[in-house]
PDB file of all heavy atoms in Angstrom:
ATOM      1  N   CYS A   1      -6.621  12.418  14.790  1.00  0.00           N
ATOM      2  CA  CYS A   1      -5.756  11.929  13.595  1.00  0.00           C
ATOM      3  C   CYS A   1      -5.965  12.824  12.307  1.00  0.00           C
ATOM      4  O   CYS A   1      -5.294  12.710  11.351  1.00  0.00           O
ATOM      5  CB  CYS A   1      -5.908  10.515  13.330  1.00  0.00           C
ATOM      6  SG  CYS A   1      -5.331   9.459  14.657  1.00  0.00           S
ATOM      7  N   GLY A   2      -7.138  13.584  12.334  1.00  0.00           N
ATOM      8  CA  GLY A   2      -7.373  14.365  11.158  1.00  0.00           C
ATOM      9  C   GLY A   2      -7.889  13.553   9.989  1.00  0.00           C
ATOM     10  O   GLY A   2      -7.577  13.980   8.876  1.00  0.00           O
ATOM     11  N   ARG A   3      -8.510  12.462  10.197  1.00  0.00           N
ATOM     12  CA  ARG A   3      -8.901  11.652   9.233  1.00  0.00           C
ATOM     13  C   ARG A   3     -10.498  11.366   9.375  1.00  0.00           C
ATOM     14  O   ARG A   3     -11.133  11.872  10.304  1.00  0.00           O
ATOM     15  CB  ARG A   3      -8.327  10.200   9.279  1.00  0.00           C
ATOM     16  CG  ARG A   3      -6.803  10.219   9.136  1.00  0.00           C
ATOM     17  CD  ARG A   3      -6.530  10.623   7.625  1.00  0.00           C
ATOM     18  NE  ARG A   3      -5.088  10.434   7.277  1.00  0.00           N
ATOM     19  CZ  ARG A   3      -4.537   9.336   6.776  1.00  0.00           C
ATOM     20  NH1 ARG A   3      -5.378   8.184   6.632  1.00  0.00           N
ATOM     21  NH2 ARG A   3      -3.443   9.214   6.465  1.00  0.00           N
ATOM     22  N   THR A   4     -11.075  10.504   8.611  1.00  0.00           N
ATOM     23  CA  THR A   4     -12.486  10.197   8.631  1.00  0.00           C
ATOM     24  C   THR A   4     -12.774   9.156   9.716  1.00  0.00           C
ATOM     25  O   THR A   4     -11.932   8.369  10.122  1.00  0.00           O
ATOM     26  CB  THR A   4     -13.043   9.671   7.389  1.00  0.00           C
ATOM     27  OG1 THR A   4     -12.478   8.410   7.081  1.00  0.00           O
ATOM     28  CG2 THR A   4     -12.845  10.675   6.228  1.00  0.00           C
ATOM     29  N   GLU A   5     -14.022   9.050  10.232  1.00  0.00           N
ATOM     30  CA  GLU A   5     -14.431   8.171  11.163  1.00  0.00           C
ATOM     31  C   GLU A   5     -14.290   6.642  10.567  1.00  0.00           C
ATOM     32  O   GLU A   5     -13.840   5.736  11.305  1.00  0.00           O
ATOM     33  CB  GLU A   5     -15.800   8.348  11.486  1.00  0.00           C
ATOM     34  CG  GLU A   5     -16.267   7.610  12.800  1.00  0.00           C
ATOM     35  CD  GLU A   5     -17.621   8.027  13.356  1.00  0.00           C
ATOM     36  OE1 GLU A   5     -18.032   9.190  13.128  1.00  0.00           O
ATOM     37  OE2 GLU A   5     -18.374   7.235  13.830  1.00  0.00           O
ATOM     38  N   SER A   6     -14.591   6.502   9.319  1.00  0.00           N
ATOM     39  CA  SER A   6     -14.443   5.184   8.635  1.00  0.00           C
ATOM     40  C   SER A   6     -13.012   4.817   8.638  1.00  0.00           C
ATOM     41  O   SER A   6     -12.630   3.625   8.977  1.00  0.00           O
ATOM     42  CB  SER A   6     -14.960   5.269   7.190  1.00  0.00           C
ATOM     43  OG  SER A   6     -16.266   5.435   7.235  1.00  0.00           O
ATOM     44  N   TRP A   7     -12.084   5.734   8.448  1.00  0.00           N
ATOM     45  CA  TRP A   7     -10.548   5.420   8.464  1.00  0.00           C
ATOM     46  C   TRP A   7     -10.273   4.949   9.785  1.00  0.00           C
ATOM     47  O   TRP A   7      -9.450   3.932   9.936  1.00  0.00           O
ATOM     48  CB  TRP A   7      -9.792   6.717   8.154  1.00  0.00           C
ATOM     49  CG  TRP A   7      -8.355   6.464   8.245  1.00  0.00           C
ATOM     50  CD1 TRP A   7      -7.467   5.980   7.210  1.00  0.00           C
ATOM     51  CD2 TRP A   7      -7.484   6.754   9.401  1.00  0.00           C
ATOM     52  NE1 TRP A   7      -6.195   5.906   7.833  1.00  0.00           N
ATOM     53  CE2 TRP A   7      -6.195   6.417   9.129  1.00  0.00           C
ATOM     54  CE3 TRP A   7      -7.869   7.183  10.625  1.00  0.00           C
ATOM     55  CZ2 TRP A   7      -5.184   6.496  10.012  1.00  0.00           C
ATOM     56  CZ3 TRP A   7      -6.770   7.285  11.583  1.00  0.00           C
ATOM     57  CH2 TRP A   7      -5.499   6.996  11.233  1.00  0.00           C
ATOM     58  N   ALA A   8     -10.678   5.501  10.869  1.00  0.00           N
ATOM     59  CA  ALA A   8     -10.411   5.184  12.259  1.00  0.00           C
ATOM     60  C   ALA A   8     -10.943   3.642  12.588  1.00  0.00           C
ATOM     61  O   ALA A   8     -10.176   2.979  13.215  1.00  0.00           O
ATOM     62  CB  ALA A   8     -11.011   6.209  13.251  1.00  0.00           C
ATOM     63  N   ARG A   9     -12.122   3.408  12.100  1.00  0.00           N
ATOM     64  CA  ARG A   9     -12.632   2.111  12.306  1.00  0.00           C
ATOM     65  C   ARG A   9     -11.838   1.029  11.585  1.00  0.00           C
ATOM     66  O   ARG A   9     -11.541  -0.053  12.155  1.00  0.00           O
ATOM     67  CB  ARG A   9     -14.032   1.947  11.785  1.00  0.00           C
ATOM     68  CG  ARG A   9     -15.075   2.725  12.652  1.00  0.00           C
ATOM     69  CD  ARG A   9     -16.551   2.579  12.005  1.00  0.00           C
ATOM     70  NE  ARG A   9     -17.444   3.476  12.605  1.00  0.00           N
ATOM     71  CZ  ARG A   9     -18.036   3.231  13.781  1.00  0.00           C
ATOM     72  NH1 ARG A   9     -17.807   2.076  14.423  1.00  0.00           N
ATOM     73  NH2 ARG A   9     -18.861   4.197  14.262  1.00  0.00           N
ATOM     74  N   VAL A  10     -11.544   1.315  10.316  1.00  0.00           N
ATOM     75  CA  VAL A  10     -10.715   0.308   9.590  1.00  0.00           C
ATOM     76  C   VAL A  10      -9.268   0.093  10.150  1.00  0.00           C
ATOM     77  O   VAL A  10      -8.840  -1.014  10.338  1.00  0.00           O
ATOM     78  CB  VAL A  10     -10.642   0.718   8.166  1.00  0.00           C
ATOM     79  CG1 VAL A  10      -9.624  -0.162   7.241  1.00  0.00           C
ATOM     80  CG2 VAL A  10     -12.047   0.625   7.478  1.00  0.00           C
ATOM     81  N   THR A  11      -8.746   1.236  10.600  1.00  0.00           N
ATOM     82  CA  THR A  11      -7.355   1.212  11.116  1.00  0.00           C
ATOM     83  C   THR A  11      -7.367   0.420  12.429  1.00  0.00           C
ATOM     84  O   THR A  11      -6.478  -0.421  12.707  1.00  0.00           O
ATOM     85  CB  THR A  11      -6.837   2.565  11.316  1.00  0.00           C
ATOM     86  OG1 THR A  11      -6.850   3.211  10.000  1.00  0.00           O
ATOM     87  CG2 THR A  11      -5.346   2.634  11.800  1.00  0.00           C
ATOM     88  N   TYR A  12      -8.353   0.711  13.255  1.00  0.00           N
ATOM     89  CA  TYR A  12      -8.443  -0.064  14.516  1.00  0.00           C
ATOM     90  C   TYR A  12      -8.625  -1.643  14.236  1.00  0.00           C
ATOM     91  O   TYR A  12      -7.934  -2.347  14.883  1.00  0.00           O
ATOM     92  CB  TYR A  12      -9.625   0.396  15.344  1.00  0.00           C
ATOM     93  CG  TYR A  12      -9.915  -0.416  16.548  1.00  0.00           C
ATOM     94  CD1 TYR A  12      -9.043  -0.386  17.635  1.00  0.00           C
ATOM     95  CD2 TYR A  12     -10.994  -1.207  16.552  1.00  0.00           C
ATOM     96  CE1 TYR A  12      -9.252  -1.200  18.761  1.00  0.00           C
ATOM     97  CE2 TYR A  12     -11.245  -2.109  17.634  1.00  0.00           C
ATOM     98  CZ  TYR A  12     -10.389  -2.033  18.798  1.00  0.00           C
ATOM     99  OH  TYR A  12     -10.664  -2.915  19.828  1.00  0.00           O
ATOM    100  N   HIS A  13      -9.432  -1.930  13.371  1.00  0.00           N
ATOM    101  CA  HIS A  13      -9.683  -3.384  13.085  1.00  0.00           C
ATOM    102  C   HIS A  13      -8.366  -3.996  12.576  1.00  0.00           C
ATOM    103  O   HIS A  13      -7.991  -5.095  12.918  1.00  0.00           O
ATOM    104  CB  HIS A  13     -10.846  -3.522  11.964  1.00  0.00           C
ATOM    105  CG  HIS A  13     -10.969  -4.864  11.535  1.00  0.00           C
ATOM    106  ND1 HIS A  13     -11.627  -5.877  12.340  1.00  0.00           N
ATOM    107  CD2 HIS A  13     -10.647  -5.481  10.355  1.00  0.00           C
ATOM    108  CE1 HIS A  13     -11.553  -7.050  11.706  1.00  0.00           C
ATOM    109  NE2 HIS A  13     -10.981  -6.881  10.520  1.00  0.00           N
ATOM    110  N   ARG A  14      -7.679  -3.343  11.633  1.00  0.00           N
ATOM    111  CA  ARG A  14      -6.444  -3.877  11.200  1.00  0.00           C
ATOM    112  C   ARG A  14      -5.420  -3.926  12.260  1.00  0.00           C
ATOM    113  O   ARG A  14      -4.603  -4.929  12.269  1.00  0.00           O
ATOM    114  CB  ARG A  14      -5.889  -2.935  10.075  1.00  0.00           C
ATOM    115  CG  ARG A  14      -6.728  -3.103   8.762  1.00  0.00           C
ATOM    116  CD  ARG A  14      -6.278  -2.191   7.712  1.00  0.00           C
ATOM    117  NE  ARG A  14      -7.015  -2.314   6.458  1.00  0.00           N
ATOM    118  CZ  ARG A  14      -7.055  -1.538   5.541  1.00  0.00           C
ATOM    119  NH1 ARG A  14      -6.269  -0.474   5.510  1.00  0.00           N
ATOM    120  NH2 ARG A  14      -7.841  -1.670   4.438  1.00  0.00           N
ATOM    121  N   ALA A  15      -5.364  -3.005  13.123  1.00  0.00           N
ATOM    122  CA  ALA A  15      -4.411  -3.058  14.329  1.00  0.00           C
ATOM    123  C   ALA A  15      -4.636  -4.240  15.155  1.00  0.00           C
ATOM    124  O   ALA A  15      -3.800  -5.002  15.589  1.00  0.00           O
ATOM    125  CB  ALA A  15      -4.488  -1.740  15.113  1.00  0.00           C
ATOM    126  N   LYS A  16      -6.004  -4.429  15.433  1.00  0.00           N
ATOM    127  CA  LYS A  16      -6.364  -5.584  16.273  1.00  0.00           C
ATOM    128  C   LYS A  16      -5.957  -6.875  15.624  1.00  0.00           C
ATOM    129  O   LYS A  16      -5.385  -7.747  16.330  1.00  0.00           O
ATOM    130  CB  LYS A  16      -7.870  -5.470  16.563  1.00  0.00           C
ATOM    131  CG  LYS A  16      -8.295  -6.420  17.633  1.00  0.00           C
ATOM    132  CD  LYS A  16      -9.747  -6.203  18.043  1.00  0.00           C
ATOM    133  CE  LYS A  16     -10.759  -6.548  17.005  1.00  0.00           C
ATOM    134  NZ  LYS A  16     -12.105  -6.626  17.443  1.00  0.00           N
ATOM    135  N   CYS A  17      -6.237  -7.073  14.307  1.00  0.00           N
ATOM    136  CA  CYS A  17      -5.798  -8.259  13.622  1.00  0.00           C
ATOM    137  C   CYS A  17      -4.308  -8.408  13.619  1.00  0.00           C
ATOM    138  O   CYS A  17      -3.814  -9.600  13.780  1.00  0.00           O
ATOM    139  CB  CYS A  17      -6.285  -8.109  12.119  1.00  0.00           C
ATOM    140  SG  CYS A  17      -8.059  -8.322  11.982  1.00  0.00           S
ATOM    141  N   LYS A  18      -3.523  -7.399  13.523  1.00  0.00           N
ATOM    142  CA  LYS A  18      -2.043  -7.468  13.516  1.00  0.00           C
ATOM    143  C   LYS A  18      -1.502  -7.899  14.864  1.00  0.00           C
ATOM    144  O   LYS A  18      -0.662  -8.725  14.984  1.00  0.00           O
ATOM    145  CB  LYS A  18      -1.500  -6.158  13.037  1.00  0.00           C
ATOM    146  CG  LYS A  18      -1.488  -5.679  11.637  1.00  0.00           C
ATOM    147  CD  LYS A  18      -1.022  -4.449  11.316  1.00  0.00           C
ATOM    148  CE  LYS A  18      -1.002  -3.957   9.893  1.00  0.00           C
ATOM    149  NZ  LYS A  18       0.015  -4.612   9.068  1.00  0.00           N
ATOM    150  N   LEU A  19      -2.184  -7.309  15.856  1.00  0.00           N
ATOM    151  CA  LEU A  19      -1.716  -7.752  17.184  1.00  0.00           C
ATOM    152  C   LEU A  19      -2.051  -9.161  17.573  1.00  0.00           C
ATOM    153  O   LEU A  19      -1.254  -9.892  18.071  1.00  0.00           O
ATOM    154  CB  LEU A  19      -2.478  -6.838  18.381  1.00  0.00           C
ATOM    155  CG  LEU A  19      -1.859  -5.426  18.621  1.00  0.00           C
ATOM    156  CD1 LEU A  19      -2.833  -4.646  19.452  1.00  0.00           C
ATOM    157  CD2 LEU A  19      -0.497  -5.612  19.171  1.00  0.00           C
ATOM    158  N   MET A  20      -3.207  -9.593  17.163  1.00  0.00           N
ATOM    159  CA  MET A  20      -3.708 -11.064  17.350  1.00  0.00           C
ATOM    160  C   MET A  20      -2.675 -11.987  16.664  1.00  0.00           C
ATOM    161  O   MET A  20      -2.252 -13.003  17.143  1.00  0.00           O
ATOM    162  CB  MET A  20      -5.082 -11.206  16.961  1.00  0.00           C
ATOM    163  CG  MET A  20      -6.029 -10.558  18.056  1.00  0.00           C
ATOM    164  SD  MET A  20      -7.798 -10.528  17.418  1.00  0.00           S
ATOM    165  CE  MET A  20      -8.150 -12.361  17.348  1.00  0.00           C
ATOM    166  N   GLU A  21      -2.328 -11.536  15.402  1.00  0.00           N
ATOM    167  CA  GLU A  21      -1.430 -12.447  14.477  1.00  0.00           C
ATOM    168  C   GLU A  21      -0.102 -12.434  15.172  1.00  0.00           C
ATOM    169  O   GLU A  21       0.535 -13.618  15.248  1.00  0.00           O
ATOM    170  CB  GLU A  21      -1.425 -11.753  13.171  1.00  0.00           C
ATOM    171  CG  GLU A  21      -0.463 -12.485  12.220  1.00  0.00           C
ATOM    172  CD  GLU A  21      -0.314 -11.759  10.940  1.00  0.00           C
ATOM    173  OE1 GLU A  21      -1.428 -11.527  10.239  1.00  0.00           O
ATOM    174  OE2 GLU A  21       0.762 -11.327  10.630  1.00  0.00           O
ATOM    175  N   ARG A  22       0.505 -11.385  15.688  1.00  0.00           N
ATOM    176  CA  ARG A  22       1.756 -11.282  16.248  1.00  0.00           C
ATOM    177  C   ARG A  22       1.831 -12.016  17.578  1.00  0.00           C
ATOM    178  O   ARG A  22       2.835 -12.473  17.999  1.00  0.00           O
ATOM    179  CB  ARG A  22       2.241  -9.904  16.295  1.00  0.00           C
ATOM    180  CG  ARG A  22       2.477  -9.444  14.859  1.00  0.00           C
ATOM    181  CD  ARG A  22       2.976  -7.937  14.913  1.00  0.00           C
ATOM    182  NE  ARG A  22       3.044  -7.443  13.591  1.00  0.00           N
ATOM    183  CZ  ARG A  22       3.305  -6.127  13.268  1.00  0.00           C
ATOM    184  NH1 ARG A  22       3.618  -5.416  14.265  1.00  0.00           N
ATOM    185  NH2 ARG A  22       3.428  -5.755  11.976  1.00  0.00           N
ATOM    186  N   MET A  23       0.708 -12.000  18.345  1.00  0.00           N
ATOM    187  CA  MET A  23       0.628 -12.598  19.722  1.00  0.00           C
ATOM    188  C   MET A  23       0.581 -14.165  19.555  1.00  0.00           C
ATOM    189  O   MET A  23       1.083 -14.752  20.474  1.00  0.00           O
ATOM    190  CB  MET A  23      -0.450 -12.043  20.504  1.00  0.00           C
ATOM    191  CG  MET A  23      -0.259 -10.591  21.007  1.00  0.00           C
ATOM    192  SD  MET A  23       1.156 -10.418  22.130  1.00  0.00           S
ATOM    193  CE  MET A  23       0.606 -11.436  23.512  1.00  0.00           C
ATOM    194  N   GLY A  24      -0.097 -14.549  18.507  1.00  0.00           N
ATOM    195  CA  GLY A  24      -0.146 -16.058  18.424  1.00  0.00           C
ATOM    196  C   GLY A  24      -0.965 -16.711  19.464  1.00  0.00           C
ATOM    197  O   GLY A  24      -1.919 -16.104  19.915  1.00  0.00           O
TER     198      GLY A  24
END
C-alpha cells in the first residue's frame, strides 16, 4: 500500500470493527 506499518495495523483493526458492526 505504500504506507507505514502502523497505518496497516490501524486500518486492519478498523476494518475488522466495521465488519463486525455490519455483520451484527
